[in-house]
All heavy atoms as atom14 arrays in JSON, in Angstrom:
{
  "sequence": "TVILTMHSKQPKRGMLSFDQGYVEIYDYPRGSKAVITYVADGHQEVIE",
  "atom14_mask": [
    [1, 1, 1, 1, 1, 1, 1, 0, 0, 0, 0, 0, 0, 0],
    [1, 1, 1, 1, 1, 1, 1, 0, 0, 0, 0, 0, 0, 0],
    [1, 1, 1, 1, 1, 1, 1, 1, 0, 0, 0, 0, 0, 0],
    [1, 1, 1, 1, 1, 1, 1, 1, 0, 0, 0, 0, 0, 0],
    [1, 1, 1, 1, 1, 1, 1, 0, 0, 0, 0, 0, 0, 0],
    [1, 1, 1, 1, 1, 1, 1, 1, 0, 0, 0, 0, 0, 0],
    [1, 1, 1, 1, 1, 1, 1, 1, 1, 1, 0, 0, 0, 0],
    [1, 1, 1, 1, 1, 1, 0, 0, 0, 0, 0, 0, 0, 0],
    [1, 1, 1, 1, 1, 1, 1, 1, 1, 0, 0, 0, 0, 0],
    [1, 1, 1, 1, 1, 1, 1, 1, 1, 0, 0, 0, 0, 0],
    [1, 1, 1, 1, 1, 1, 1, 0, 0, 0, 0, 0, 0, 0],
    [1, 1, 1, 1, 1, 1, 1, 1, 1, 0, 0, 0, 0, 0],
    [1, 1, 1, 1, 1, 1, 1, 1, 1, 1, 1, 0, 0, 0],
    [1, 1, 1, 1, 0, 0, 0, 0, 0, 0, 0, 0, 0, 0],
    [1, 1, 1, 1, 1, 1, 1, 1, 0, 0, 0, 0, 0, 0],
    [1, 1, 1, 1, 1, 1, 1, 1, 0, 0, 0, 0, 0, 0],
    [1, 1, 1, 1, 1, 1, 0, 0, 0, 0, 0, 0, 0, 0],
    [1, 1, 1, 1, 1, 1, 1, 1, 1, 1, 1, 0, 0, 0],
    [1, 1, 1, 1, 1, 1, 1, 1, 0, 0, 0, 0, 0, 0],
    [1, 1, 1, 1, 1, 1, 1, 1, 1, 0, 0, 0, 0, 0],
    [1, 1, 1, 1, 0, 0, 0, 0, 0, 0, 0, 0, 0, 0],
    [1, 1, 1, 1, 1, 1, 1, 1, 1, 1, 1, 1, 0, 0],
    [1, 1, 1, 1, 1, 1, 1, 0, 0, 0, 0, 0, 0, 0],
    [1, 1, 1, 1, 1, 1, 1, 1, 1, 0, 0, 0, 0, 0],
    [1, 1, 1, 1, 1, 1, 1, 1, 0, 0, 0, 0, 0, 0],
    [1, 1, 1, 1, 1, 1, 1, 1, 1, 1, 1, 1, 0, 0],
    [1, 1, 1, 1, 1, 1, 1, 1, 0, 0, 0, 0, 0, 0],
    [1, 1, 1, 1, 1, 1, 1, 1, 1, 1, 1, 1, 0, 0],
    [1, 1, 1, 1, 1, 1, 1, 0, 0, 0, 0, 0, 0, 0],
    [1, 1, 1, 1, 1, 1, 1, 1, 1, 1, 1, 0, 0, 0],
    [1, 1, 1, 1, 0, 0, 0, 0, 0, 0, 0, 0, 0, 0],
    [1, 1, 1, 1, 1, 1, 0, 0, 0, 0, 0, 0, 0, 0],
    [1, 1, 1, 1, 1, 1, 1, 1, 1, 0, 0, 0, 0, 0],
    [1, 1, 1, 1, 1, 0, 0, 0, 0, 0, 0, 0, 0, 0],
    [1, 1, 1, 1, 1, 1, 1, 0, 0, 0, 0, 0, 0, 0],
    [1, 1, 1, 1, 1, 1, 1, 1, 0, 0, 0, 0, 0, 0],
    [1, 1, 1, 1, 1, 1, 1, 0, 0, 0, 0, 0, 0, 0],
    [1, 1, 1, 1, 1, 1, 1, 1, 1, 1, 1, 1, 0, 0],
    [1, 1, 1, 1, 1, 1, 1, 0, 0, 0, 0, 0, 0, 0],
    [1, 1, 1, 1, 1, 0, 0, 0, 0, 0, 0, 0, 0, 0],
    [1, 1, 1, 1, 1, 1, 1, 1, 0, 0, 0, 0, 0, 0],
    [1, 1, 1, 1, 0, 0, 0, 0, 0, 0, 0, 0, 0, 0],
    [1, 1, 1, 1, 1, 1, 1, 1, 1, 1, 0, 0, 0, 0],
    [1, 1, 1, 1, 1, 1, 1, 1, 1, 0, 0, 0, 0, 0],
    [1, 1, 1, 1, 1, 1, 1, 1, 1, 0, 0, 0, 0, 0],
    [1, 1, 1, 1, 1, 1, 1, 0, 0, 0, 0, 0, 0, 0],
    [1, 1, 1, 1, 1, 1, 1, 1, 0, 0, 0, 0, 0, 0],
    [1, 1, 1, 1, 1, 1, 1, 1, 1, 0, 0, 0, 0, 0]
  ],
  "atom14_positions": [
    [[11.21, -51.25, 76.63], [10.67, -50.95, 75.3], [11.84, -50.88, 74.33], [12.9, -50.33, 74.65], [9.92, -49.6, 75.26], [10.85, -48.53, 75.52], [8.82, -49.56, 76.29], [0.0, 0.0, 0.0], [0.0, 0.0, 0.0], [0.0, 0.0, 0.0], [0.0, 0.0, 0.0], [0.0, 0.0, 0.0], [0.0, 0.0, 0.0], [0.0, 0.0, 0.0]],
    [[11.64, -51.45, 73.14], [12.67, -51.45, 72.1], [12.04, -50.97, 70.81], [11.02, -51.5, 70.38], [13.26, -52.87, 71.91], [14.25, -52.89, 70.75], [13.92, -53.36, 73.2], [0.0, 0.0, 0.0], [0.0, 0.0, 0.0], [0.0, 0.0, 0.0], [0.0, 0.0, 0.0], [0.0, 0.0, 0.0], [0.0, 0.0, 0.0], [0.0, 0.0, 0.0]],
    [[12.64, -49.95, 70.19], [12.18, -49.44, 68.9], [13.31, -49.59, 67.89], [14.41, -49.07, 68.08], [11.78, -47.95, 68.98], [10.7, -47.73, 70.04], [11.31, -47.46, 67.6], [9.36, -48.35, 69.72], [0.0, 0.0, 0.0], [0.0, 0.0, 0.0], [0.0, 0.0, 0.0], [0.0, 0.0, 0.0], [0.0, 0.0, 0.0], [0.0, 0.0, 0.0]],
    [[13.02, -50.3, 66.79], [14.02, -50.57, 65.76], [13.53, -50.06, 64.41], [12.34, -50.16, 64.11], [14.26, -52.08, 65.62], [14.58, -52.88, 66.89], [14.57, -54.37, 66.58], [15.92, -52.45, 67.46], [0.0, 0.0, 0.0], [0.0, 0.0, 0.0], [0.0, 0.0, 0.0], [0.0, 0.0, 0.0], [0.0, 0.0, 0.0], [0.0, 0.0, 0.0]],
    [[14.42, -49.55, 63.6], [14.07, -49.19, 62.23], [15.3, -49.22, 61.34], [16.4, -48.86, 61.78], [13.39, -47.81, 62.14], [13.18, -47.48, 60.75], [14.23, -46.73, 62.78], [0.0, 0.0, 0.0], [0.0, 0.0, 0.0], [0.0, 0.0, 0.0], [0.0, 0.0, 0.0], [0.0, 0.0, 0.0], [0.0, 0.0, 0.0], [0.0, 0.0, 0.0]],
    [[15.11, -49.66, 60.1], [16.19, -49.7, 59.12], [16.1, -48.54, 58.13], [16.92, -48.44, 57.23], [16.13, -51.02, 58.33], [16.33, -52.25, 59.15], [18.02, -52.43, 59.74], [18.8, -53.12, 58.31], [0.0, 0.0, 0.0], [0.0, 0.0, 0.0], [0.0, 0.0, 0.0], [0.0, 0.0, 0.0], [0.0, 0.0, 0.0], [0.0, 0.0, 0.0]],
    [[15.09, -47.68, 58.29], [14.9, -46.63, 57.28], [14.56, -45.29, 57.92], [13.85, -44.47, 57.35], [13.79, -47.06, 56.3], [13.75, -46.26, 55.04], [14.82, -46.17, 54.17], [12.78, -45.51, 54.48], [14.5, -45.4, 53.15], [13.26, -44.98, 53.31], [0.0, 0.0, 0.0], [0.0, 0.0, 0.0], [0.0, 0.0, 0.0], [0.0, 0.0, 0.0]],
    [[15.08, -45.08, 59.12], [14.84, -43.82, 59.82], [15.89, -43.68, 60.93], [15.92, -44.48, 61.85], [13.43, -43.81, 60.42], [13.14, -42.56, 60.99], [0.0, 0.0, 0.0], [0.0, 0.0, 0.0], [0.0, 0.0, 0.0], [0.0, 0.0, 0.0], [0.0, 0.0, 0.0], [0.0, 0.0, 0.0], [0.0, 0.0, 0.0], [0.0, 0.0, 0.0]],
    [[16.71, -42.68, 60.81], [17.82, -42.53, 61.75], [17.32, -42.19, 63.15], [16.45, -41.34, 63.32], [18.77, -41.42, 61.26], [20.07, -41.32, 62.05], [20.94, -42.55, 61.86], [22.26, -42.41, 62.59], [23.03, -43.66, 62.53], [0.0, 0.0, 0.0], [0.0, 0.0, 0.0], [0.0, 0.0, 0.0], [0.0, 0.0, 0.0], [0.0, 0.0, 0.0]],
    [[17.86, -42.87, 64.15], [17.6, -42.57, 65.55], [18.93, -42.58, 66.29], [19.88, -43.22, 65.84], [16.74, -43.67, 66.2], [15.33, -43.8, 65.71], [14.6, -44.84, 66.56], [13.88, -44.51, 67.49], [14.8, -46.1, 66.25], [0.0, 0.0, 0.0], [0.0, 0.0, 0.0], [0.0, 0.0, 0.0], [0.0, 0.0, 0.0], [0.0, 0.0, 0.0]],
    [[19.01, -41.91, 67.42], [20.22, -42.05, 68.24], [20.27, -43.46, 68.81], [19.24, -44.04, 69.16], [20.02, -41.02, 69.35], [18.54, -40.85, 69.45], [18.01, -41.01, 68.06], [0.0, 0.0, 0.0], [0.0, 0.0, 0.0], [0.0, 0.0, 0.0], [0.0, 0.0, 0.0], [0.0, 0.0, 0.0], [0.0, 0.0, 0.0], [0.0, 0.0, 0.0]],
    [[21.46, -44.01, 68.88], [21.64, -45.33, 69.52], [21.68, -45.09, 71.03], [22.75, -45.05, 71.64], [22.91, -45.99, 69.01], [22.92, -46.28, 67.52], [24.21, -46.95, 67.11], [24.29, -47.19, 65.62], [24.52, -45.94, 64.86], [0.0, 0.0, 0.0], [0.0, 0.0, 0.0], [0.0, 0.0, 0.0], [0.0, 0.0, 0.0], [0.0, 0.0, 0.0]],
    [[20.51, -44.94, 71.61], [20.42, -44.53, 73.0], [19.82, -45.62, 73.86], [18.78, -46.19, 73.54], [19.55, -43.27, 73.13], [19.52, -42.67, 74.54], [18.66, -41.43, 74.57], [17.25, -41.77, 74.55], [16.47, -41.84, 75.64], [16.97, -41.58, 76.82], [15.19, -42.14, 75.53], [0.0, 0.0, 0.0], [0.0, 0.0, 0.0], [0.0, 0.0, 0.0]],
    [[20.48, -45.9, 74.97], [19.94, -46.81, 75.96], [19.69, -46.05, 77.25], [20.51, -45.23, 77.65], [0.0, 0.0, 0.0], [0.0, 0.0, 0.0], [0.0, 0.0, 0.0], [0.0, 0.0, 0.0], [0.0, 0.0, 0.0], [0.0, 0.0, 0.0], [0.0, 0.0, 0.0], [0.0, 0.0, 0.0], [0.0, 0.0, 0.0], [0.0, 0.0, 0.0]],
    [[18.54, -46.3, 77.89], [18.22, -45.6, 79.13], [17.73, -46.62, 80.16], [16.84, -47.42, 79.89], [17.14, -44.54, 78.89], [16.98, -43.55, 80.04], [15.95, -44.18, 81.39], [14.35, -44.17, 80.61], [0.0, 0.0, 0.0], [0.0, 0.0, 0.0], [0.0, 0.0, 0.0], [0.0, 0.0, 0.0], [0.0, 0.0, 0.0], [0.0, 0.0, 0.0]],
    [[18.37, -46.59, 81.34], [18.01, -47.44, 82.46], [17.42, -46.58, 83.55], [18.06, -45.63, 84.01], [19.25, -48.16, 82.99], [20.08, -48.98, 81.99], [21.47, -49.25, 82.55], [19.37, -50.29, 81.68], [0.0, 0.0, 0.0], [0.0, 0.0, 0.0], [0.0, 0.0, 0.0], [0.0, 0.0, 0.0], [0.0, 0.0, 0.0], [0.0, 0.0, 0.0]],
    [[16.21, -46.9, 83.99], [15.53, -46.08, 85.0], [15.41, -46.85, 86.31], [14.84, -47.96, 86.35], [14.14, -45.69, 84.49], [13.47, -44.91, 85.44], [0.0, 0.0, 0.0], [0.0, 0.0, 0.0], [0.0, 0.0, 0.0], [0.0, 0.0, 0.0], [0.0, 0.0, 0.0], [0.0, 0.0, 0.0], [0.0, 0.0, 0.0], [0.0, 0.0, 0.0]],
    [[15.94, -46.26, 87.38], [15.94, -46.86, 88.72], [15.14, -45.98, 89.68], [14.75, -44.86, 89.35], [17.38, -46.98, 89.24], [18.29, -47.79, 88.37], [18.9, -47.21, 87.25], [18.55, -49.11, 88.66], [19.76, -47.96, 86.44], [19.41, -49.87, 87.86], [20.01, -49.29, 86.75], [0.0, 0.0, 0.0], [0.0, 0.0, 0.0], [0.0, 0.0, 0.0]],
    [[14.96, -46.46, 90.89], [14.28, -45.67, 91.92], [14.98, -44.34, 92.17], [14.33, -43.3, 92.31], [14.23, -46.45, 93.24], [13.02, -47.37, 93.34], [12.36, -47.59, 92.31], [12.76, -47.88, 94.44], [0.0, 0.0, 0.0], [0.0, 0.0, 0.0], [0.0, 0.0, 0.0], [0.0, 0.0, 0.0], [0.0, 0.0, 0.0], [0.0, 0.0, 0.0]],
    [[16.31, -44.37, 92.24], [17.07, -43.19, 92.67], [17.71, -42.4, 91.52], [18.4, -41.42, 91.78], [18.16, -43.62, 93.66], [17.66, -44.43, 94.84], [16.61, -43.7, 95.66], [16.71, -42.49, 95.86], [15.6, -44.42, 96.14], [0.0, 0.0, 0.0], [0.0, 0.0, 0.0], [0.0, 0.0, 0.0], [0.0, 0.0, 0.0], [0.0, 0.0, 0.0]],
    [[17.51, -42.84, 90.31], [18.14, -42.12, 89.21], [17.97, -42.86, 87.89], [17.35, -43.93, 87.83], [0.0, 0.0, 0.0], [0.0, 0.0, 0.0], [0.0, 0.0, 0.0], [0.0, 0.0, 0.0], [0.0, 0.0, 0.0], [0.0, 0.0, 0.0], [0.0, 0.0, 0.0], [0.0, 0.0, 0.0], [0.0, 0.0, 0.0], [0.0, 0.0, 0.0]],
    [[18.54, -42.28, 86.82], [18.51, -42.97, 85.53], [19.86, -42.81, 84.84], [20.6, -41.86, 85.06], [17.37, -42.47, 84.64], [17.36, -40.99, 84.33], [18.03, -40.5, 83.19], [16.67, -40.09, 85.13], [18.0, -39.15, 82.88], [16.64, -38.74, 84.84], [17.31, -38.28, 83.7], [17.29, -36.93, 83.4], [0.0, 0.0, 0.0], [0.0, 0.0, 0.0]],
    [[20.16, -43.82, 84.01], [21.44, -43.89, 83.3], [21.17, -43.78, 81.81], [20.3, -44.49, 81.28], [22.17, -45.21, 83.59], [23.51, -45.26, 82.85], [22.36, -45.42, 85.09], [0.0, 0.0, 0.0], [0.0, 0.0, 0.0], [0.0, 0.0, 0.0], [0.0, 0.0, 0.0], [0.0, 0.0, 0.0], [0.0, 0.0, 0.0], [0.0, 0.0, 0.0]],
    [[21.92, -42.93, 81.12], [21.81, -42.8, 79.66], [23.15, -43.17, 79.02], [24.2, -42.72, 79.47], [21.46, -41.38, 79.26], [20.08, -40.93, 79.74], [19.82, -39.47, 79.46], [20.35, -38.63, 80.24], [19.14, -39.15, 78.47], [0.0, 0.0, 0.0], [0.0, 0.0, 0.0], [0.0, 0.0, 0.0], [0.0, 0.0, 0.0], [0.0, 0.0, 0.0]],
    [[23.08, -44.02, 78.01], [24.26, -44.42, 77.26], [24.0, -44.18, 75.78], [23.03, -44.7, 75.22], [24.61, -45.9, 77.48], [24.67, -46.24, 78.97], [25.94, -46.24, 76.81], [24.85, -47.71, 79.24], [0.0, 0.0, 0.0], [0.0, 0.0, 0.0], [0.0, 0.0, 0.0], [0.0, 0.0, 0.0], [0.0, 0.0, 0.0], [0.0, 0.0, 0.0]],
    [[24.84, -43.38, 75.15], [24.72, -43.14, 73.71], [25.74, -43.99, 72.96], [26.78, -44.37, 73.5], [24.92, -41.66, 73.39], [23.71, -40.82, 73.75], [23.53, -40.33, 75.03], [22.72, -40.56, 72.8], [22.41, -39.58, 75.37], [21.6, -39.81, 73.12], [21.45, -39.32, 74.4], [20.33, -38.59, 74.72], [0.0, 0.0, 0.0], [0.0, 0.0, 0.0]],
    [[25.41, -44.28, 71.69], [26.27, -45.17, 70.89], [26.55, -46.46, 71.65], [27.68, -46.95, 71.7], [27.59, -44.46, 70.52], [27.36, -43.28, 69.6], [26.55, -43.42, 68.65], [27.96, -42.22, 69.83], [0.0, 0.0, 0.0], [0.0, 0.0, 0.0], [0.0, 0.0, 0.0], [0.0, 0.0, 0.0], [0.0, 0.0, 0.0], [0.0, 0.0, 0.0]],
    [[25.48, -47.02, 72.21], [25.64, -48.09, 73.18], [26.24, -49.39, 72.63], [26.83, -50.15, 73.4], [24.32, -48.39, 73.89], [23.23, -48.96, 73.02], [23.19, -50.31, 72.71], [22.22, -48.14, 72.51], [22.19, -50.83, 71.91], [21.22, -48.65, 71.72], [21.22, -50.0, 71.41], [20.23, -50.5, 70.61], [0.0, 0.0, 0.0], [0.0, 0.0, 0.0]],
    [[26.14, -49.7, 71.32], [26.79, -50.96, 70.91], [28.29, -50.99, 71.21], [28.84, -52.05, 71.5], [26.53, -50.99, 69.4], [25.25, -50.23, 69.23], [25.36, -49.11, 70.22], [0.0, 0.0, 0.0], [0.0, 0.0, 0.0], [0.0, 0.0, 0.0], [0.0, 0.0, 0.0], [0.0, 0.0, 0.0], [0.0, 0.0, 0.0], [0.0, 0.0, 0.0]],
    [[28.92, -49.81, 71.15], [30.35, -49.72, 71.51], [30.56, -48.54, 72.45], [31.51, -47.77, 72.3], [31.2, -49.57, 70.25], [31.13, -50.76, 69.32], [32.13, -50.65, 68.19], [32.12, -51.83, 67.35], [33.01, -52.09, 66.4], [33.99, -51.24, 66.18], [32.93, -53.2, 65.69], [0.0, 0.0, 0.0], [0.0, 0.0, 0.0], [0.0, 0.0, 0.0]],
    [[29.69, -48.41, 73.4], [29.71, -47.24, 74.28], [30.97, -47.13, 75.12], [31.62, -48.12, 75.44], [0.0, 0.0, 0.0], [0.0, 0.0, 0.0], [0.0, 0.0, 0.0], [0.0, 0.0, 0.0], [0.0, 0.0, 0.0], [0.0, 0.0, 0.0], [0.0, 0.0, 0.0], [0.0, 0.0, 0.0], [0.0, 0.0, 0.0], [0.0, 0.0, 0.0]],
    [[31.31, -45.88, 75.46], [32.44, -45.64, 76.36], [32.1, -44.59, 77.42], [32.93, -44.28, 78.27], [33.67, -45.18, 75.56], [33.4, -43.98, 74.87], [0.0, 0.0, 0.0], [0.0, 0.0, 0.0], [0.0, 0.0, 0.0], [0.0, 0.0, 0.0], [0.0, 0.0, 0.0], [0.0, 0.0, 0.0], [0.0, 0.0, 0.0], [0.0, 0.0, 0.0]],
    [[30.87, -44.06, 77.33], [30.47, -42.99, 78.25], [29.01, -43.15, 78.64], [28.16, -43.47, 77.81], [30.68, -41.63, 77.57], [30.29, -40.43, 78.41], [30.55, -39.14, 77.62], [30.13, -37.9, 78.39], [30.38, -36.66, 77.61], [0.0, 0.0, 0.0], [0.0, 0.0, 0.0], [0.0, 0.0, 0.0], [0.0, 0.0, 0.0], [0.0, 0.0, 0.0]],
    [[28.73, -42.91, 79.92], [27.36, -42.94, 80.42], [27.16, -41.76, 81.36], [28.11, -41.29, 81.99], [27.08, -44.25, 81.15], [0.0, 0.0, 0.0], [0.0, 0.0, 0.0], [0.0, 0.0, 0.0], [0.0, 0.0, 0.0], [0.0, 0.0, 0.0], [0.0, 0.0, 0.0], [0.0, 0.0, 0.0], [0.0, 0.0, 0.0], [0.0, 0.0, 0.0]],
    [[25.93, -41.3, 81.43], [25.58, -40.2, 82.34], [24.51, -40.69, 83.31], [23.46, -41.18, 82.88], [25.08, -38.96, 81.58], [24.69, -37.85, 82.57], [26.16, -38.45, 80.62], [0.0, 0.0, 0.0], [0.0, 0.0, 0.0], [0.0, 0.0, 0.0], [0.0, 0.0, 0.0], [0.0, 0.0, 0.0], [0.0, 0.0, 0.0], [0.0, 0.0, 0.0]],
    [[24.79, -40.56, 84.6], [23.81, -40.92, 85.63], [23.2, -39.63, 86.17], [23.93, -38.73, 86.6], [24.46, -41.71, 86.78], [25.16, -42.96, 86.26], [23.41, -42.07, 87.83], [25.93, -43.73, 87.33], [0.0, 0.0, 0.0], [0.0, 0.0, 0.0], [0.0, 0.0, 0.0], [0.0, 0.0, 0.0], [0.0, 0.0, 0.0], [0.0, 0.0, 0.0]],
    [[21.88, -39.53, 86.15], [21.17, -38.4, 86.73], [20.45, -38.87, 87.98], [19.66, -39.82, 87.93], [20.16, -37.81, 85.73], [20.85, -37.41, 84.54], [19.44, -36.61, 86.33], [0.0, 0.0, 0.0], [0.0, 0.0, 0.0], [0.0, 0.0, 0.0], [0.0, 0.0, 0.0], [0.0, 0.0, 0.0], [0.0, 0.0, 0.0], [0.0, 0.0, 0.0]],
    [[20.74, -38.23, 89.1], [20.14, -38.61, 90.37], [18.88, -37.78, 90.6], [18.9, -36.55, 90.52], [21.13, -38.41, 91.51], [22.31, -39.36, 91.41], [23.45, -39.01, 90.69], [22.26, -40.61, 92.02], [24.54, -39.9, 90.59], [23.34, -41.5, 91.93], [24.47, -41.13, 91.2], [25.53, -42.0, 91.1], [0.0, 0.0, 0.0], [0.0, 0.0, 0.0]],
    [[17.77, -38.46, 90.88], [16.47, -37.78, 90.94], [16.33, -36.88, 92.16], [15.55, -35.92, 92.15], [15.31, -38.79, 90.88], [15.32, -39.54, 89.56], [15.36, -39.78, 92.05], [0.0, 0.0, 0.0], [0.0, 0.0, 0.0], [0.0, 0.0, 0.0], [0.0, 0.0, 0.0], [0.0, 0.0, 0.0], [0.0, 0.0, 0.0], [0.0, 0.0, 0.0]],
    [[17.03, -37.17, 93.24], [16.85, -36.39, 94.48], [17.17, -34.92, 94.28], [16.43, -34.04, 94.73], [17.72, -36.98, 95.59], [0.0, 0.0, 0.0], [0.0, 0.0, 0.0], [0.0, 0.0, 0.0], [0.0, 0.0, 0.0], [0.0, 0.0, 0.0], [0.0, 0.0, 0.0], [0.0, 0.0, 0.0], [0.0, 0.0, 0.0], [0.0, 0.0, 0.0]],
    [[18.27, -34.63, 93.58], [18.65, -33.22, 93.4], [19.01, -32.88, 91.95], [19.38, -31.75, 91.65], [19.85, -32.88, 94.3], [21.06, -33.77, 94.04], [21.03, -34.57, 93.07], [22.03, -33.67, 94.81], [0.0, 0.0, 0.0], [0.0, 0.0, 0.0], [0.0, 0.0, 0.0], [0.0, 0.0, 0.0], [0.0, 0.0, 0.0], [0.0, 0.0, 0.0]],
    [[18.89, -33.86, 91.05], [19.14, -33.59, 89.63], [20.6, -33.55, 89.23], [20.91, -33.3, 88.06], [0.0, 0.0, 0.0], [0.0, 0.0, 0.0], [0.0, 0.0, 0.0], [0.0, 0.0, 0.0], [0.0, 0.0, 0.0], [0.0, 0.0, 0.0], [0.0, 0.0, 0.0], [0.0, 0.0, 0.0], [0.0, 0.0, 0.0], [0.0, 0.0, 0.0]],
    [[21.51, -33.79, 90.15], [22.92, -33.72, 89.77], [23.3, -34.92, 88.91], [22.69, -35.99, 88.99], [23.83, -33.6, 91.0], [24.23, -34.91, 91.62], [23.47, -35.56, 92.56], [25.35, -35.66, 91.44], [24.08, -36.66, 92.93], [25.22, -36.76, 92.27], [0.0, 0.0, 0.0], [0.0, 0.0, 0.0], [0.0, 0.0, 0.0], [0.0, 0.0, 0.0]],
    [[24.32, -34.71, 88.08], [24.73, -35.74, 87.14], [26.15, -36.22, 87.41], [27.0, -35.46, 87.87], [24.63, -35.22, 85.7], [23.2, -34.95, 85.26], [23.1, -34.57, 83.79], [23.97, -33.88, 83.27], [22.06, -35.05, 83.11], [0.0, 0.0, 0.0], [0.0, 0.0, 0.0], [0.0, 0.0, 0.0], [0.0, 0.0, 0.0], [0.0, 0.0, 0.0]],
    [[26.36, -37.48, 87.12], [27.68, -38.09, 87.25], [28.04, -38.71, 85.91], [27.27, -39.49, 85.34], [27.63, -39.18, 88.33], [28.94, -39.91, 88.54], [28.81, -41.03, 89.58], [27.7, -41.25, 90.11], [29.84, -41.68, 89.84], [0.0, 0.0, 0.0], [0.0, 0.0, 0.0], [0.0, 0.0, 0.0], [0.0, 0.0, 0.0], [0.0, 0.0, 0.0]],
    [[29.18, -38.33, 85.37], [29.64, -38.86, 84.08], [30.59, -40.03, 84.34], [31.55, -39.91, 85.1], [30.36, -37.78, 83.25], [30.89, -38.37, 81.95], [29.42, -36.62, 82.96], [0.0, 0.0, 0.0], [0.0, 0.0, 0.0], [0.0, 0.0, 0.0], [0.0, 0.0, 0.0], [0.0, 0.0, 0.0], [0.0, 0.0, 0.0], [0.0, 0.0, 0.0]],
    [[30.27, -41.16, 83.73], [31.09, -42.36, 83.86], [31.74, -42.63, 82.51], [31.06, -42.74, 81.49], [30.24, -43.59, 84.26], [29.39, -43.28, 85.5], [31.11, -44.81, 84.48], [30.18, -43.03, 86.75], [0.0, 0.0, 0.0], [0.0, 0.0, 0.0], [0.0, 0.0, 0.0], [0.0, 0.0, 0.0], [0.0, 0.0, 0.0], [0.0, 0.0, 0.0]],
    [[33.05, -42.75, 82.49], [33.76, -43.05, 81.25], [34.7, -44.22, 81.47], [35.36, -44.32, 82.52], [34.55, -41.83, 80.77], [33.67, -40.66, 80.36], [34.45, -39.5, 79.76], [34.7, -39.53, 78.55], [34.8, -38.58, 80.53], [0.0, 0.0, 0.0], [0.0, 0.0, 0.0], [0.0, 0.0, 0.0], [0.0, 0.0, 0.0], [0.0, 0.0, 0.0]]
  ]
}
């Protein structure tokens, strides 16, 4: 799903959802950091 607007501020957020977890990337056009959340126990891994 993609939501675009030129007249309403939104976070530049990308989210990838997998069987075992999901990845969130903010400021994704020039991103440098992502957070992976693992669904089995909820722990997070920060990737930079």
